[in-house]
PDB file of N, CA and C in Angstrom:
ATOM      1  N   MET A   1      92.505 137.447  87.308  1.00  0.00           N
ATOM      2  CA  MET A   1      92.470 137.738  88.713  1.00  0.00           C
ATOM      3  C   MET A   1      93.597 138.437  89.540  1.00  0.00           C
ATOM      4  N   SER A   2      94.747 139.484  89.432  1.00  0.00           N
ATOM      5  CA  SER A   2      95.551 139.891  89.594  1.00  0.00           C
ATOM      6  C   SER A   2      95.473 140.917  90.937  1.00  0.00           C
ATOM      7  N   ARG A   3      96.268 140.307  91.996  1.00  0.00           N
ATOM      8  CA  ARG A   3      95.972 140.858  93.231  1.00  0.00           C
ATOM      9  C   ARG A   3      97.584 141.868  93.756  1.00  0.00           C
ATOM     10  N   GLU A   4      97.915 142.757  94.043  1.00  0.00           N
ATOM     11  CA  GLU A   4      98.916 143.120  94.272  1.00  0.00           C
ATOM     12  C   GLU A   4      98.888 143.419  95.627  1.00  0.00           C
ATOM     13  N   VAL A   5      99.985 143.210  96.339  1.00  0.00           N
ATOM     14  CA  VAL A   5     100.762 143.340  97.605  1.00  0.00           C
ATOM     15  C   VAL A   5     101.485 144.333  97.779  1.00  0.00           C
ATOM     16  N   ASN A   6     101.858 145.382  98.547  1.00  0.00           N
ATOM     17  CA  ASN A   6     102.629 146.222  98.813  1.00  0.00           C
ATOM     18  C   ASN A   6     102.963 145.761 100.015  1.00  0.00           C
ATOM     19  N   LEU A   7     104.684 144.794 100.161  1.00  0.00           N
ATOM     20  CA  LEU A   7     104.317 144.489 100.888  1.00  0.00           C
ATOM     21  C   LEU A   7     106.074 145.456 102.225  1.00  0.00           C
ATOM     22  N   LEU A   8     105.652 146.654 101.860  1.00  0.00           N
ATOM     23  CA  LEU A   8     106.622 147.757 102.401  1.00  0.00           C
ATOM     24  C   LEU A   8     105.896 148.334 103.832  1.00  0.00           C
ATOM     25  N   THR A   9     104.526 147.827 103.465  1.00  0.00           N
ATOM     26  CA  THR A   9     103.296 148.485 104.582  1.00  0.00           C
ATOM     27  C   THR A   9     102.866 146.838 105.514  1.00  0.00           C
ATOM     28  N   GLY A  10     102.419 147.182 106.501  1.00  0.00           N
ATOM     29  CA  GLY A  10     101.699 146.175 106.939  1.00  0.00           C
ATOM     30  C   GLY A  10     102.562 145.119 108.080  1.00  0.00           C
ATOM     31  N   ASP A  11     102.192 144.428 108.174  1.00  0.00           N
ATOM     32  CA  ASP A  11     102.613 143.313 109.536  1.00  0.00           C
ATOM     33  C   ASP A  11     103.717 142.649 108.547  1.00  0.00           C
ATOM     34  N   ILE A  12     105.109 143.113 108.871  1.00  0.00           N
ATOM     35  CA  ILE A  12     106.028 142.223 108.340  1.00  0.00           C
ATOM     36  C   ILE A  12     106.057 140.712 108.386  1.00  0.00           C
ATOM     37  N   LYS A  13     105.734 140.151 109.386  1.00  0.00           N
ATOM     38  CA  LYS A  13     106.020 138.775 110.210  1.00  0.00           C
ATOM     39  C   LYS A  13     104.974 138.354 109.418  1.00  0.00           C
ATOM     40  N   GLY A  14     103.683 138.458 109.230  1.00  0.00           N
ATOM     41  CA  GLY A  14     102.412 138.288 108.197  1.00  0.00           C
ATOM     42  C   GLY A  14     102.499 137.940 106.648  1.00  0.00           C
ATOM     43  N   SER A  15     103.413 139.243 106.319  1.00  0.00           N
ATOM     44  CA  SER A  15     104.514 139.119 105.219  1.00  0.00           C
ATOM     45  C   SER A  15     105.018 137.887 104.651  1.00  0.00           C
ATOM     46  N   LEU A  16     105.951 137.894 105.705  1.00  0.00           N
ATOM     47  CA  LEU A  16     107.416 136.618 105.372  1.00  0.00           C
ATOM     48  C   LEU A  16     106.160 135.108 105.652  1.00  0.00           C
ATOM     49  N   VAL A  17     105.542 135.171 106.307  1.00  0.00           N
ATOM     50  CA  VAL A  17     105.089 133.767 106.799  1.00  0.00           C
ATOM     51  C   VAL A  17     104.394 133.046 105.446  1.00  0.00           C
ATOM     52  N   LYS A  18     103.596 134.302 104.907  1.00  0.00           N
ATOM     53  CA  LYS A  18     102.766 133.853 103.575  1.00  0.00           C
ATOM     54  C   LYS A  18     103.556 134.017 102.935  1.00  0.00           C
ATOM     55  N   MET A  19     104.632 134.434 102.339  1.00  0.00           N
ATOM     56  CA  MET A  19     105.838 134.344 101.197  1.00  0.00           C
ATOM     57  C   MET A  19     106.820 132.962 101.300  1.00  0.00           C
ATOM     58  N   SER A  20     106.490 132.528 102.581  1.00  0.00           N
ATOM     59  CA  SER A  20     107.570 131.519 102.931  1.00  0.00           C
ATOM     60  C   SER A  20     107.035 130.265 103.007  1.00  0.00           C
ATOM     61  N   LEU A  21     105.373 129.810 103.220  1.00  0.00           N
ATOM     62  CA  LEU A  21     104.530 128.697 103.498  1.00  0.00           C
ATOM     63  C   LEU A  21     104.883 127.998 102.301  1.00  0.00           C
ATOM     64  N   PRO A  22     104.551 128.135 100.875  1.00  0.00           N
ATOM     65  CA  PRO A  22     104.509 127.622 100.043  1.00  0.00           C
ATOM     66  C   PRO A  22     106.103 126.985  99.974  1.00  0.00           C
ATOM     67  N   LEU A  23     107.537 127.591  99.658  1.00  0.00           N
ATOM     68  CA  LEU A  23     108.678 127.261  99.808  1.00  0.00           C
ATOM     69  C   LEU A  23     108.850 126.200 100.801  1.00  0.00           C
ATOM     70  N   MET A  24     108.175 126.513 102.300  1.00  0.00           N
ATOM     71  CA  MET A  24     108.118 124.896 102.531  1.00  0.00           C
ATOM     72  C   MET A  24     107.705 124.070 102.591  1.00  0.00           C
ATOM     73  N   GLY A  25     106.822 123.982 102.046  1.00  0.00           N
ATOM     74  CA  GLY A  25     105.400 123.256 101.362  1.00  0.00           C
ATOM     75  C   GLY A  25     106.211 122.336 100.598  1.00  0.00           C
ATOM     76  N   ILE A  26     106.394 122.843  99.221  1.00  0.00           N
ATOM     77  CA  ILE A  26     107.812 122.288  98.410  1.00  0.00           C
ATOM     78  C   ILE A  26     108.576 121.259  99.247  1.00  0.00           C
ATOM     79  N   SER A  27     109.757 121.874 100.152  1.00  0.00           N
ATOM     80  CA  SER A  27     110.585 121.535 100.386  1.00  0.00           C
ATOM     81  C   SER A  27     109.974 120.128 101.197  1.00  0.00           C
ATOM     82  N   PHE A  28     109.368 120.000 101.953  1.00  0.00           N
ATOM     83  CA  PHE A  28     108.719 119.000 102.837  1.00  0.00           C
ATOM     84  C   PHE A  28     108.574 118.092 101.296  1.00  0.00           C
ATOM     85  N   ILE A  29     107.361 118.316 100.330  1.00  0.00           N
ATOM     86  CA  ILE A  29     107.474 117.361  99.736  1.00  0.00           C
ATOM     87  C   ILE A  29     108.500 116.762  98.877  1.00  0.00           C
ATOM     88  N   GLN A  30     109.519 117.865  98.415  1.00  0.00           N
ATOM     89  CA  GLN A  30     110.981 117.539  97.692  1.00  0.00           C
ATOM     90  C   GLN A  30     111.464 116.077  98.677  1.00  0.00           C
ATOM     91  N   MET A  31     111.560 116.638 100.113  1.00  0.00           N
ATOM     92  CA  MET A  31     112.038 115.849 101.330  1.00  0.00           C
ATOM     93  C   MET A  31     111.334 114.193 101.316  1.00  0.00           C
ATOM     94  N   THR A  32     110.114 114.431 101.551  1.00  0.00           N
ATOM     95  CA  THR A  32     109.205 112.978 101.215  1.00  0.00           C
ATOM     96  C   THR A  32     109.235 112.114 100.034  1.00  0.00           C
ATOM     97  N   TYR A  33     109.977 113.106  98.794  1.00  0.00           N
ATOM     98  CA  TYR A  33     109.943 112.251  97.829  1.00  0.00           C
ATOM     99  C   TYR A  33     111.400 111.472  97.905  1.00  0.00           C
ATOM    100  N   ASN A  34     112.626 112.275  98.282  1.00  0.00           N
ATOM    101  CA  ASN A  34     113.281 111.783  98.175  1.00  0.00           C
ATOM    102  C   ASN A  34     113.861 110.519  99.291  1.00  0.00           C
ATOM    103  N   MET A  35     113.013 110.843 100.566  1.00  0.00           N
ATOM    104  CA  MET A  35     112.861 109.608 101.314  1.00  0.00           C
ATOM    105  C   MET A  35     112.266 108.207 101.175  1.00  0.00           C
ATOM    106  N   VAL A  36     111.017 108.526 100.071  1.00  0.00           N
ATOM    107  CA  VAL A  36     110.274 107.132  99.619  1.00  0.00           C
ATOM    108  C   VAL A  36     111.622 106.752  98.821  1.00  0.00           C
ATOM    109  N   ASP A  37     112.007 107.393  97.549  1.00  0.00           N
ATOM    110  CA  ASP A  37     112.999 107.216  96.471  1.00  0.00           C
ATOM    111  C   ASP A  37     114.693 105.992  96.930  1.00  0.00           C
ATOM    112  N   THR A  38     114.914 106.517  98.359  1.00  0.00           N
ATOM    113  CA  THR A  38     115.850 106.179  99.356  1.00  0.00           C
ATOM    114  C   THR A  38     115.183 104.938  99.609  1.00  0.00           C
ATOM    115  N   ILE A  39     114.399 104.504 100.265  1.00  0.00           N
ATOM    116  CA  ILE A  39     113.619 103.380 100.645  1.00  0.00           C
ATOM    117  C   ILE A  39     113.648 102.294  99.695  1.00  0.00           C
ATOM    118  N   TRP A  40     112.990 102.890  98.698  1.00  0.00           N
ATOM    119  CA  TRP A  40     112.689 102.017  97.356  1.00  0.00           C
ATOM    120  C   TRP A  40     113.775 101.534  96.825  1.00  0.00           C
ATOM    121  N   LEU A  41     114.679 102.298  96.583  1.00  0.00           N
ATOM    122  CA  LEU A  41     116.383 102.133  96.580  1.00  0.00           C
ATOM    123  C   LEU A  41     116.979 100.657  97.672  1.00  0.00           C
ATOM    124  N   GLY A  42     116.765 101.263  98.471  1.00  0.00           N
ATOM    125  CA  GLY A  42     117.334 100.306  99.403  1.00  0.00           C
ATOM    126  C   GLY A  42     116.843  98.689  99.758  1.00  0.00           C
ATOM    127  N   ARG A  43     115.310  98.961  98.874  1.00  0.00           N
ATOM    128  CA  ARG A  43     115.510  97.399  98.733  1.00  0.00           C
ATOM    129  C   ARG A  43     115.862  96.650  97.441  1.00  0.00           C
ATOM    130  N   LEU A  44     116.346  97.142  96.455  1.00  0.00           N
ATOM    131  CA  LEU A  44     117.228  96.339  95.803  1.00  0.00           C
ATOM    132  C   LEU A  44     118.274  96.236  96.040  1.00  0.00           C
ATOM    133  N   SER A  45     119.227  97.425  96.227  1.00  0.00           N
ATOM    134  CA  SER A  45     120.535  97.196  96.935  1.00  0.00           C
ATOM    135  C   SER A  45     121.201  98.317  97.419  1.00  0.00           C
ATOM    136  N   THR A  46     122.025  98.187  98.189  1.00  0.00           N
ATOM    137  CA  THR A  46     123.151  99.386  98.932  1.00  0.00           C
ATOM    138  C   THR A  46     124.052  99.975  98.131  1.00  0.00           C
ATOM    139  N   GLU A  47     124.575  99.168  96.525  1.00  0.00           N
ATOM    140  CA  GLU A  47     125.012 100.152  95.821  1.00  0.00           C
ATOM    141  C   GLU A  47     124.109 100.762  94.631  1.00  0.00           C
ATOM    142  N   ALA A  48     122.543 100.516  95.204  1.00  0.00           N
ATOM    143  CA  ALA A  48     122.011 101.276  94.423  1.00  0.00           C
ATOM    144  C   ALA A  48     121.674 103.053  95.159  1.00  0.00           C
ATOM    145  N   VAL A  49     121.730 102.351  96.548  1.00  0.00           N
ATOM    146  CA  VAL A  49     121.240 103.897  97.148  1.00  0.00           C
ATOM    147  C   VAL A  49     122.803 104.330  97.558  1.00  0.00           C
ATOM    148  N   ALA A  50     123.723 104.192  97.008  1.00  0.00           N
ATOM    149  CA  ALA A  50     125.190 104.546  97.221  1.00  0.00           C
ATOM    150  C   ALA A  50     125.365 105.450  95.755  1.00  0.00           C
ATOM    151  N   ALA A  51     124.714 104.847  94.640  1.00  0.00           N
ATOM    152  CA  ALA A  51     125.008 105.646  93.430  1.00  0.00           C
ATOM    153  C   ALA A  51     124.244 106.992  93.403  1.00  0.00           C
ATOM    154  N   VAL A  52     123.014 106.855  93.824  1.00  0.00           N
ATOM    155  CA  VAL A  52     122.056 107.457  94.057  1.00  0.00           C
ATOM    156  C   VAL A  52     122.843 108.666  94.728  1.00  0.00           C
ATOM    157  N   GLY A  53     123.262 108.388  96.432  1.00  0.00           N
ATOM    158  CA  GLY A  53     123.650 109.651  97.198  1.00  0.00           C
ATOM    159  C   GLY A  53     124.814 110.406  96.743  1.00  0.00           C
ATOM    160  N   ILE A  54     125.653 109.796  95.574  1.00  0.00           N
ATOM    161  CA  ILE A  54     127.089 110.198  95.181  1.00  0.00           C
ATOM    162  C   ILE A  54     126.307 111.001  93.677  1.00  0.00           C
ATOM    163  N   CYS A  55     125.044 110.797  92.949  1.00  0.00           N
ATOM    164  CA  CYS A  55     125.032 110.982  91.682  1.00  0.00           C
ATOM    165  C   CYS A  55     124.197 112.666  92.204  1.00  0.00           C
ATOM    166  N   SER A  56     123.505 112.140  93.213  1.00  0.00           N
ATOM    167  CA  SER A  56     122.335 113.532  94.061  1.00  0.00           C
ATOM    168  C   SER A  56     123.357 114.414  94.631  1.00  0.00           C
ATOM    169  N   PHE A  57     124.507 114.132  94.869  1.00  0.00           N
ATOM    170  CA  PHE A  57     125.910 115.220  95.746  1.00  0.00           C
ATOM    171  C   PHE A  57     126.287 116.427  94.304  1.00  0.00           C
ATOM    172  N   PHE A  58     126.428 115.582  93.065  1.00  0.00           N
ATOM    173  CA  PHE A  58     126.561 116.587  92.333  1.00  0.00           C
ATOM    174  C   PHE A  58     125.816 116.706  91.492  1.00  0.00           C
ATOM    175  N   ILE A  59     124.351 116.592  91.696  1.00  0.00           N
ATOM    176  CA  ILE A  59     123.545 117.956  90.973  1.00  0.00           C
ATOM    177  C   ILE A  59     122.898 118.523  92.071  1.00  0.00           C
ATOM    178  N   TRP A  60     122.969 118.677  93.477  1.00  0.00           N
ATOM    179  CA  TRP A  60     122.949 119.596  94.393  1.00  0.00           C
ATOM    180  C   TRP A  60     124.109 120.670  94.179  1.00  0.00           C
ATOM    181  N   PHE A  61     125.441 120.364  93.695  1.00  0.00           N
ATOM    182  CA  PHE A  61     126.687 121.354  93.861  1.00  0.00           C
ATOM    183  C   PHE A  61     126.458 122.221  92.312  1.00  0.00           C
ATOM    184  N   ALA A  62     125.540 120.865  91.608  1.00  0.00           N
ATOM    185  CA  ALA A  62     125.451 121.617  89.958  1.00  0.00           C
ATOM    186  C   ALA A  62     124.536 123.157  90.201  1.00  0.00           C
ATOM    187  N   ASN A  63     123.005 122.862  91.111  1.00  0.00           N
ATOM    188  CA  ASN A  63     122.467 123.410  90.946  1.00  0.00           C
ATOM    189  C   ASN A  63     122.502 124.681  91.721  1.00  0.00           C
ATOM    190  N   ALA A  64     123.418 124.289  92.540  1.00  0.00           N
ATOM    191  CA  ALA A  64     124.074 125.769  93.371  1.00  0.00           C
ATOM    192  C   ALA A  64     125.131 126.319  92.643  1.00  0.00           C
ATOM    193  N   VAL A  65     126.060 125.892  91.952  1.00  0.00           N
ATOM    194  CA  VAL A  65     126.548 126.883  90.818  1.00  0.00           C
ATOM    195  C   VAL A  65     125.797 127.522  90.346  1.00  0.00           C
ATOM    196  N   VAL A  66     124.516 127.048  89.565  1.00  0.00           N
ATOM    197  CA  VAL A  66     123.838 127.382  88.939  1.00  0.00           C
ATOM    198  C   VAL A  66     123.302 128.749  89.205  1.00  0.00           C
ATOM    199  N   LEU A  67     122.813 128.601  90.735  1.00  0.00           N
ATOM    200  CA  LEU A  67     122.528 129.575  91.745  1.00  0.00           C
ATOM    201  C   LEU A  67     122.818 130.553  91.945  1.00  0.00           C
ATOM    202  N   ILE A  68     124.290 130.805  91.689  1.00  0.00           N
ATOM    203  CA  ILE A  68     125.054 131.785  91.923  1.00  0.00           C
ATOM    204  C   ILE A  68     125.531 132.758  91.120  1.00  0.00           C
ATOM    205  N   SER A  69     125.330 131.472  90.082  1.00  0.00           N
ATOM    206  CA  SER A  69     125.792 132.699  88.670  1.00  0.00           C
ATOM    207  C   SER A  69     124.779 133.530  88.662  1.00  0.00           C
TER     208      SER A  69
END
């Protein structure tokens, strides 16, 4: 059941909201996952939280480089 939507006609605000809602939902889920992960690691040790924080930066940077390329 394929539906074609012409984004060149109609209300631009409505189209932008419909396109951005899934991205906002996934961002919220990812933030929640990261927060729970940090809380869980915080119960282990501060070194674990620091290690994940350092690794997360490098993963974020690698993703940025891949997306730019």
